[in-house]
Amino acid sequence: MIKPAWTPVTIGLMVLGFVAFWPLGLAMLAYILWGDRFEGMLRDAKDQWRGSPLKGAFEQMNTTTHAR
């Protein structure tokens, strides 16, 4: 797994991204700079979903739909 840090691999991927298609290089640069924050936001979103009342409603809807 590629870590969001200034390593030779991430720098190489960023350069290749800019050469191939500039938005890919820009996305890689954003991942290097703010990748740790993205992982934290993903973890927070998963935690919020686990505690969401909608999750139970979706699970109940899926079980009744599959039971038919």
C-alpha atoms as a PDB file:
ATOM      1  CA  MET A   1       0.000   0.000   0.000  1.00  0.00           C
ATOM      2  CA  ILE A   2       1.285   3.438  -0.889  1.00  0.00           C
ATOM      3  CA  LYS A   3       1.587   5.750   2.105  1.00  0.00           C
ATOM      4  CA  PRO A   4       0.833   9.476   1.740  1.00  0.00           C
ATOM      5  CA  ALA A   5       4.403  10.736   2.185  1.00  0.00           C
ATOM      6  CA  TRP A   6       7.292  12.100   0.142  1.00  0.00           C
ATOM      7  CA  THR A   7       8.881   8.793  -0.881  1.00  0.00           C
ATOM      8  CA  PRO A   8      10.606   7.956  -4.177  1.00  0.00           C
ATOM      9  CA  VAL A   9       7.601   5.846  -5.197  1.00  0.00           C
ATOM     10  CA  THR A  10       5.011   8.569  -4.599  1.00  0.00           C
ATOM     11  CA  ILE A  11       7.175  11.223  -6.260  1.00  0.00           C
ATOM     12  CA  GLY A  12       7.650   8.950  -9.278  1.00  0.00           C
ATOM     13  CA  LEU A  13       3.921   8.283  -9.501  1.00  0.00           C
ATOM     14  CA  MET A  14       3.218  11.999  -9.271  1.00  0.00           C
ATOM     15  CA  VAL A  15       5.668  12.787 -12.079  1.00  0.00           C
ATOM     16  CA  LEU A  16       4.241  10.000 -14.248  1.00  0.00           C
ATOM     17  CA  GLY A  17       0.762  11.305 -13.532  1.00  0.00           C
ATOM     18  CA  PHE A  18       1.699  14.803 -14.674  1.00  0.00           C
ATOM     19  CA  VAL A  19       3.342  13.426 -17.831  1.00  0.00           C
ATOM     20  CA  ALA A  20       0.422  11.145 -18.744  1.00  0.00           C
ATOM     21  CA  PHE A  21      -2.514  13.363 -17.751  1.00  0.00           C
ATOM     22  CA  TRP A  22      -2.063  16.395 -15.497  1.00  0.00           C
ATOM     23  CA  PRO A  23      -5.146  15.788 -13.279  1.00  0.00           C
ATOM     24  CA  LEU A  24      -3.633  12.435 -12.246  1.00  0.00           C
ATOM     25  CA  GLY A  25      -0.456  14.173 -11.138  1.00  0.00           C
ATOM     26  CA  LEU A  26      -2.488  16.758  -9.282  1.00  0.00           C
ATOM     27  CA  ALA A  27      -4.497  14.016  -7.563  1.00  0.00           C
ATOM     28  CA  MET A  28      -1.275  12.280  -6.521  1.00  0.00           C
ATOM     29  CA  LEU A  29       0.101  15.557  -5.156  1.00  0.00           C
ATOM     30  CA  ALA A  30      -3.095  16.050  -3.137  1.00  0.00           C
ATOM     31  CA  TYR A  31      -2.785  12.484  -1.815  1.00  0.00           C
ATOM     32  CA  ILE A  32       0.825  13.096  -0.766  1.00  0.00           C
ATOM     33  CA  LEU A  33      -0.057  16.347   0.997  1.00  0.00           C
ATOM     34  CA  TRP A  34      -3.418  15.485   2.555  1.00  0.00           C
ATOM     35  CA  GLY A  35      -3.657  11.671   2.365  1.00  0.00           C
ATOM     36  CA  ASP A  36      -3.606  11.237   6.134  1.00  0.00           C
ATOM     37  CA  ARG A  37      -6.624  13.518   6.453  1.00  0.00           C
ATOM     38  CA  PHE A  38      -8.525  11.559   3.783  1.00  0.00           C
ATOM     39  CA  GLU A  39      -7.943   8.304   5.664  1.00  0.00           C
ATOM     40  CA  GLY A  40      -9.196   9.932   8.872  1.00  0.00           C
ATOM     41  CA  MET A  41     -12.304  11.253   7.128  1.00  0.00           C
ATOM     42  CA  LEU A  42     -13.020   7.790   5.700  1.00  0.00           C
ATOM     43  CA  ARG A  43     -12.661   6.208   9.140  1.00  0.00           C
ATOM     44  CA  ASP A  44     -14.956   8.853  10.667  1.00  0.00           C
ATOM     45  CA  ALA A  45     -17.555   8.306   7.945  1.00  0.00           C
ATOM     46  CA  LYS A  46     -17.518   4.544   8.572  1.00  0.00           C
ATOM     47  CA  ASP A  47     -17.932   5.102  12.311  1.00  0.00           C
ATOM     48  CA  GLN A  48     -20.860   7.446  11.734  1.00  0.00           C
ATOM     49  CA  TRP A  49     -22.509   4.949   9.367  1.00  0.00           C
ATOM     50  CA  ARG A  50     -22.216   2.168  11.959  1.00  0.00           C
ATOM     51  CA  GLY A  51     -24.158   4.295  14.435  1.00  0.00           C
ATOM     52  CA  SER A  52     -26.679   5.590  11.896  1.00  0.00           C
ATOM     53  CA  PRO A  53     -30.369   4.670  12.237  1.00  0.00           C
ATOM     54  CA  LEU A  54     -30.525   4.456   8.434  1.00  0.00           C
ATOM     55  CA  LYS A  55     -28.186   1.467   8.468  1.00  0.00           C
ATOM     56  CA  GLY A  56     -30.746  -0.606  10.365  1.00  0.00           C
ATOM     57  CA  ALA A  57     -33.497   0.499   7.997  1.00  0.00           C
ATOM     58  CA  PHE A  58     -31.451  -0.507   4.950  1.00  0.00           C
ATOM     59  CA  GLU A  59     -30.582  -3.883   6.478  1.00  0.00           C
ATOM     60  CA  GLN A  60     -34.228  -4.529   7.335  1.00  0.00           C
ATOM     61  CA  MET A  61     -35.287  -3.544   3.816  1.00  0.00           C
ATOM     62  CA  ASN A  62     -32.694  -5.893   2.290  1.00  0.00           C
ATOM     63  CA  THR A  63     -33.751  -8.858   4.437  1.00  0.00           C
ATOM     64  CA  THR A  64     -37.445  -8.401   3.633  1.00  0.00           C
ATOM     65  CA  THR A  65     -36.690  -7.961  -0.073  1.00  0.00           C
ATOM     66  CA  HIS A  66     -34.528 -11.097  -0.219  1.00  0.00           C
ATOM     67  CA  ALA A  67     -37.046 -13.128   1.793  1.00  0.00           C
ATOM     68  CA  ARG A  68     -39.678 -12.793  -0.909  1.00  0.00           C
END
